[in-house]
Amino acid sequence: MQIRNVLNQIKQRLAREIEPGHHDLPMNFSQLNEIRNSALFTLGIHTSTHPLLESHPEAMQREEIVDCKKWLWHHFGESTPVMAYPYGSYNATTLKILQEENVTLGFTTEAVTVKRNSSPLELGRFQILNWNAAQLEEFLRRNS
């Protein structure tokens, strides 16, 4: 909430709207639909404004998560119960909110292998770079 208040103050001082245009978005609807329809990917929750969740109170975390779920539902008629934490940031409050919102999987940015006993809301993920097949295979072999 504090961040939004400061942004609103900046907007008022500049006397103009500071809203991202379609050209400022990282992806357009066509690209989101392509991901949504792919067997390789899942389009899930990532929050509304990409905050460092663990740095914010429960109310703001809940608003970020719920607003993103609503946005996905409004635009795609569904909201997959999967969360990727912005910056990998989360805390016990985040996990509580996700459980209350029936989110079943949560992905951090920790480069750890998912195992049978991994917590479903604290799954690791690896950054995959622009590697060829041999490089990717070697990376996977080293990290399994």
C-alpha atoms as a PDB file:
ATOM      1  CA  MET A   1       0.000   0.000   0.000  1.00  0.00           C
ATOM      2  CA  GLN A   2       2.815   2.400   0.847  1.00  0.00           C
ATOM      3  CA  ILE A   3       4.357   1.942  -2.601  1.00  0.00           C
ATOM      4  CA  ARG A   4       1.015   2.654  -4.285  1.00  0.00           C
ATOM      5  CA  ASN A   5       0.547   5.798  -2.170  1.00  0.00           C
ATOM      6  CA  VAL A   6       3.972   7.098  -3.224  1.00  0.00           C
ATOM      7  CA  LEU A   7       3.243   6.281  -6.879  1.00  0.00           C
ATOM      8  CA  ASN A   8      -0.071   8.130  -6.655  1.00  0.00           C
ATOM      9  CA  GLN A   9       1.720  11.152  -5.193  1.00  0.00           C
ATOM     10  CA  ILE A  10       4.208  11.085  -8.071  1.00  0.00           C
ATOM     11  CA  LYS A  11       1.350  10.866 -10.577  1.00  0.00           C
ATOM     12  CA  GLN A  12      -0.343  13.879  -9.025  1.00  0.00           C
ATOM     13  CA  ARG A  13       2.856  15.936  -9.032  1.00  0.00           C
ATOM     14  CA  LEU A  14       3.526  15.140 -12.650  1.00  0.00           C
ATOM     15  CA  ALA A  15      -0.133  15.940 -13.463  1.00  0.00           C
ATOM     16  CA  ARG A  16      -0.395  13.099 -15.949  1.00  0.00           C
ATOM     17  CA  GLU A  17      -1.161   9.389 -15.939  1.00  0.00           C
ATOM     18  CA  ILE A  18       1.787   7.054 -15.658  1.00  0.00           C
ATOM     19  CA  GLU A  19       0.244   3.837 -16.873  1.00  0.00           C
ATOM     20  CA  PRO A  20       2.045   1.300 -19.012  1.00  0.00           C
ATOM     21  CA  GLY A  21       0.887   1.138 -22.581  1.00  0.00           C
ATOM     22  CA  HIS A  22       0.574  -2.087 -24.524  1.00  0.00           C
ATOM     23  CA  HIS A  23       4.094  -1.485 -25.884  1.00  0.00           C
ATOM     24  CA  ASP A  24       5.497  -1.457 -22.304  1.00  0.00           C
ATOM     25  CA  LEU A  25       4.267  -4.932 -21.420  1.00  0.00           C
ATOM     26  CA  PRO A  26       6.715  -7.849 -21.533  1.00  0.00           C
ATOM     27  CA  MET A  27       4.179  -9.942 -23.490  1.00  0.00           C
ATOM     28  CA  ASN A  28       1.016  -9.319 -25.454  1.00  0.00           C
ATOM     29  CA  PHE A  29      -2.231 -11.340 -25.235  1.00  0.00           C
ATOM     30  CA  SER A  30      -1.358 -13.359 -28.305  1.00  0.00           C
ATOM     31  CA  GLN A  31       1.911 -14.465 -26.688  1.00  0.00           C
ATOM     32  CA  LEU A  32       0.165 -15.225 -23.380  1.00  0.00           C
ATOM     33  CA  ASN A  33      -2.399 -17.326 -25.240  1.00  0.00           C
ATOM     34  CA  GLU A  34       0.371 -19.172 -27.023  1.00  0.00           C
ATOM     35  CA  ILE A  35       1.952 -20.066 -23.674  1.00  0.00           C
ATOM     36  CA  ARG A  36      -1.442 -20.962 -22.206  1.00  0.00           C
ATOM     37  CA  ASN A  37      -2.158 -23.346 -25.074  1.00  0.00           C
ATOM     38  CA  SER A  38       1.280 -24.993 -25.023  1.00  0.00           C
ATOM     39  CA  ALA A  39       1.773 -28.433 -23.518  1.00  0.00           C
ATOM     40  CA  LEU A  40       5.195 -27.281 -22.299  1.00  0.00           C
ATOM     41  CA  PHE A  41       4.130 -24.343 -20.120  1.00  0.00           C
ATOM     42  CA  THR A  42       1.587 -23.339 -17.501  1.00  0.00           C
ATOM     43  CA  LEU A  43       0.330 -19.782 -17.230  1.00  0.00           C
ATOM     44  CA  GLY A  44       0.072 -19.108 -13.511  1.00  0.00           C
ATOM     45  CA  ILE A  45       0.031 -16.427 -10.831  1.00  0.00           C
ATOM     46  CA  HIS A  46       2.940 -13.995 -10.522  1.00  0.00           C
ATOM     47  CA  THR A  47       1.274 -11.025  -8.693  1.00  0.00           C
ATOM     48  CA  SER A  48      -0.065  -7.769 -10.099  1.00  0.00           C
ATOM     49  CA  THR A  49       2.873  -5.393  -9.643  1.00  0.00           C
ATOM     50  CA  HIS A  50       5.828  -7.769  -9.093  1.00  0.00           C
ATOM     51  CA  PRO A  51       6.687  -6.831  -5.479  1.00  0.00           C
ATOM     52  CA  LEU A  52       9.182  -8.480  -3.171  1.00  0.00           C
ATOM     53  CA  LEU A  53       6.407 -10.307  -1.297  1.00  0.00           C
ATOM     54  CA  GLU A  54       8.318 -11.086   1.905  1.00  0.00           C
ATOM     55  CA  SER A  55       8.820  -7.326   2.447  1.00  0.00           C
ATOM     56  CA  HIS A  56       5.102  -6.566   2.612  1.00  0.00           C
ATOM     57  CA  PRO A  57       2.294  -7.101   5.108  1.00  0.00           C
ATOM     58  CA  GLU A  58      -0.330  -9.790   4.667  1.00  0.00           C
ATOM     59  CA  ALA A  59      -2.992  -7.480   3.222  1.00  0.00           C
ATOM     60  CA  MET A  60      -0.766  -6.295   0.398  1.00  0.00           C
ATOM     61  CA  GLN A  61       0.508  -9.807  -0.380  1.00  0.00           C
ATOM     62  CA  ARG A  62      -3.066 -11.078  -0.516  1.00  0.00           C
ATOM     63  CA  GLU A  63      -4.142  -8.220  -2.788  1.00  0.00           C
ATOM     64  CA  GLU A  64      -1.251  -8.895  -5.193  1.00  0.00           C
ATOM     65  CA  ILE A  65      -1.984 -12.619  -5.391  1.00  0.00           C
ATOM     66  CA  VAL A  66      -5.791 -12.362  -5.555  1.00  0.00           C
ATOM     67  CA  ASP A  67      -5.728  -9.527  -8.102  1.00  0.00           C
ATOM     68  CA  CYS A  68      -3.493 -11.585 -10.380  1.00  0.00           C
ATOM     69  CA  LYS A  69      -5.791 -14.618 -10.039  1.00  0.00           C
ATOM     70  CA  LYS A  70      -8.777 -12.415 -10.914  1.00  0.00           C
ATOM     71  CA  TRP A  71      -6.964 -10.906 -13.887  1.00  0.00           C
ATOM     72  CA  LEU A  72      -6.148 -14.358 -15.257  1.00  0.00           C
ATOM     73  CA  TRP A  73      -9.742 -15.475 -14.729  1.00  0.00           C
ATOM     74  CA  HIS A  74     -11.148 -12.352 -16.390  1.00  0.00           C
ATOM     75  CA  HIS A  75      -8.899 -12.596 -19.459  1.00  0.00           C
ATOM     76  CA  PHE A  76      -8.621 -16.358 -19.900  1.00  0.00           C
ATOM     77  CA  GLY A  77     -11.576 -17.844 -18.026  1.00  0.00           C
ATOM     78  CA  GLU A  78      -9.234 -19.747 -15.750  1.00  0.00           C
ATOM     79  CA  SER A  79      -6.600 -19.293 -13.092  1.00  0.00           C
ATOM     80  CA  THR A  80      -4.175 -22.159 -12.689  1.00  0.00           C
ATOM     81  CA  PRO A  81      -3.367 -22.834  -9.001  1.00  0.00           C
ATOM     82  CA  VAL A  82       0.358 -22.313  -9.594  1.00  0.00           C
ATOM     83  CA  MET A  83       2.501 -19.415  -8.333  1.00  0.00           C
ATOM     84  CA  ALA A  84       5.971 -18.245  -9.354  1.00  0.00           C
ATOM     85  CA  TYR A  85       7.239 -15.846  -6.673  1.00  0.00           C
ATOM     86  CA  PRO A  86       8.583 -12.539  -8.015  1.00  0.00           C
ATOM     87  CA  TYR A  87      12.329 -12.509  -7.289  1.00  0.00           C
ATOM     88  CA  GLY A  88      11.750 -15.867  -5.553  1.00  0.00           C
ATOM     89  CA  SER A  89      10.554 -13.842  -2.554  1.00  0.00           C
ATOM     90  CA  TYR A  90       8.049 -15.316  -0.099  1.00  0.00           C
ATOM     91  CA  ASN A  91       7.582 -15.990   3.602  1.00  0.00           C
ATOM     92  CA  ALA A  92       5.271 -17.916   5.949  1.00  0.00           C
ATOM     93  CA  THR A  93       2.538 -15.317   5.369  1.00  0.00           C
ATOM     94  CA  THR A  94       2.740 -15.865   1.603  1.00  0.00           C
ATOM     95  CA  LEU A  95       2.424 -19.622   2.072  1.00  0.00           C
ATOM     96  CA  LYS A  96      -0.610 -19.144   4.358  1.00  0.00           C
ATOM     97  CA  ILE A  97      -2.324 -16.938   1.761  1.00  0.00           C
ATOM     98  CA  LEU A  98      -1.628 -19.427  -1.027  1.00  0.00           C
ATOM     99  CA  GLN A  99      -3.116 -22.261   1.011  1.00  0.00           C
ATOM    100  CA  GLU A 100      -6.225 -20.157   1.691  1.00  0.00           C
ATOM    101  CA  GLU A 101      -6.466 -19.337  -2.024  1.00  0.00           C
ATOM    102  CA  ASN A 102      -6.152 -23.032  -2.974  1.00  0.00           C
ATOM    103  CA  VAL A 103      -2.852 -22.562  -4.785  1.00  0.00           C
ATOM    104  CA  THR A 104      -1.174 -25.957  -4.908  1.00  0.00           C
ATOM    105  CA  LEU A 105       2.289 -25.249  -6.358  1.00  0.00           C
ATOM    106  CA  GLY A 106       4.752 -22.432  -5.687  1.00  0.00           C
ATOM    107  CA  PHE A 107       8.076 -21.902  -7.439  1.00  0.00           C
ATOM    108  CA  THR A 108      11.044 -20.079  -5.935  1.00  0.00           C
ATOM    109  CA  THR A 109      14.189 -18.966  -7.744  1.00  0.00           C
ATOM    110  CA  GLU A 110      16.337 -21.320  -5.673  1.00  0.00           C
ATOM    111  CA  ALA A 111      18.333 -23.618  -7.917  1.00  0.00           C
ATOM    112  CA  VAL A 112      17.394 -26.836  -6.130  1.00  0.00           C
ATOM    113  CA  THR A 113      16.171 -30.098  -7.581  1.00  0.00           C
ATOM    114  CA  VAL A 114      12.551 -31.009  -6.854  1.00  0.00           C
ATOM    115  CA  LYS A 115      12.334 -34.259  -4.908  1.00  0.00           C
ATOM    116  CA  ARG A 116       9.483 -36.387  -3.573  1.00  0.00           C
ATOM    117  CA  ASN A 117       9.699 -34.724  -0.165  1.00  0.00           C
ATOM    118  CA  SER A 118       9.893 -31.156  -1.526  1.00  0.00           C
ATOM    119  CA  SER A 119       7.268 -28.770  -0.194  1.00  0.00           C
ATOM    120  CA  PRO A 120       4.769 -28.163  -3.050  1.00  0.00           C
ATOM    121  CA  LEU A 121       4.695 -24.417  -2.312  1.00  0.00           C
ATOM    122  CA  GLU A 122       8.506 -24.120  -2.163  1.00  0.00           C
ATOM    123  CA  LEU A 123       9.729 -25.804  -5.338  1.00  0.00           C
ATOM    124  CA  GLY A 124      13.070 -24.842  -6.813  1.00  0.00           C
ATOM    125  CA  ARG A 125      13.683 -23.975 -10.431  1.00  0.00           C
ATOM    126  CA  PHE A 126      16.748 -23.581 -12.565  1.00  0.00           C
ATOM    127  CA  GLN A 127      17.521 -20.768 -14.949  1.00  0.00           C
ATOM    128  CA  ILE A 128      17.992 -22.215 -18.404  1.00  0.00           C
ATOM    129  CA  LEU A 129      20.214 -20.132 -20.647  1.00  0.00           C
ATOM    130  CA  ASN A 130      20.489 -20.103 -24.416  1.00  0.00           C
ATOM    131  CA  TRP A 131      22.221 -23.482 -24.552  1.00  0.00           C
ATOM    132  CA  ASN A 132      22.373 -26.062 -27.274  1.00  0.00           C
ATOM    133  CA  ALA A 133      21.059 -29.579 -26.591  1.00  0.00           C
ATOM    134  CA  ALA A 134      24.422 -30.922 -25.384  1.00  0.00           C
ATOM    135  CA  GLN A 135      24.910 -28.033 -22.947  1.00  0.00           C
ATOM    136  CA  LEU A 136      21.391 -28.422 -21.575  1.00  0.00           C
ATOM    137  CA  GLU A 137      21.843 -32.171 -21.200  1.00  0.00           C
ATOM    138  CA  GLU A 138      25.108 -31.636 -19.307  1.00  0.00           C
ATOM    139  CA  PHE A 139      23.466 -29.054 -17.022  1.00  0.00           C
ATOM    140  CA  LEU A 140      20.602 -31.424 -16.252  1.00  0.00           C
ATOM    141  CA  ARG A 141      22.984 -34.287 -15.583  1.00  0.00           C
ATOM    142  CA  ARG A 142      25.038 -32.168 -13.136  1.00  0.00           C
ATOM    143  CA  ASN A 143      21.923 -30.952 -11.298  1.00  0.00           C
ATOM    144  CA  SER A 144      19.878 -34.116 -10.966  1.00  0.00           C
END
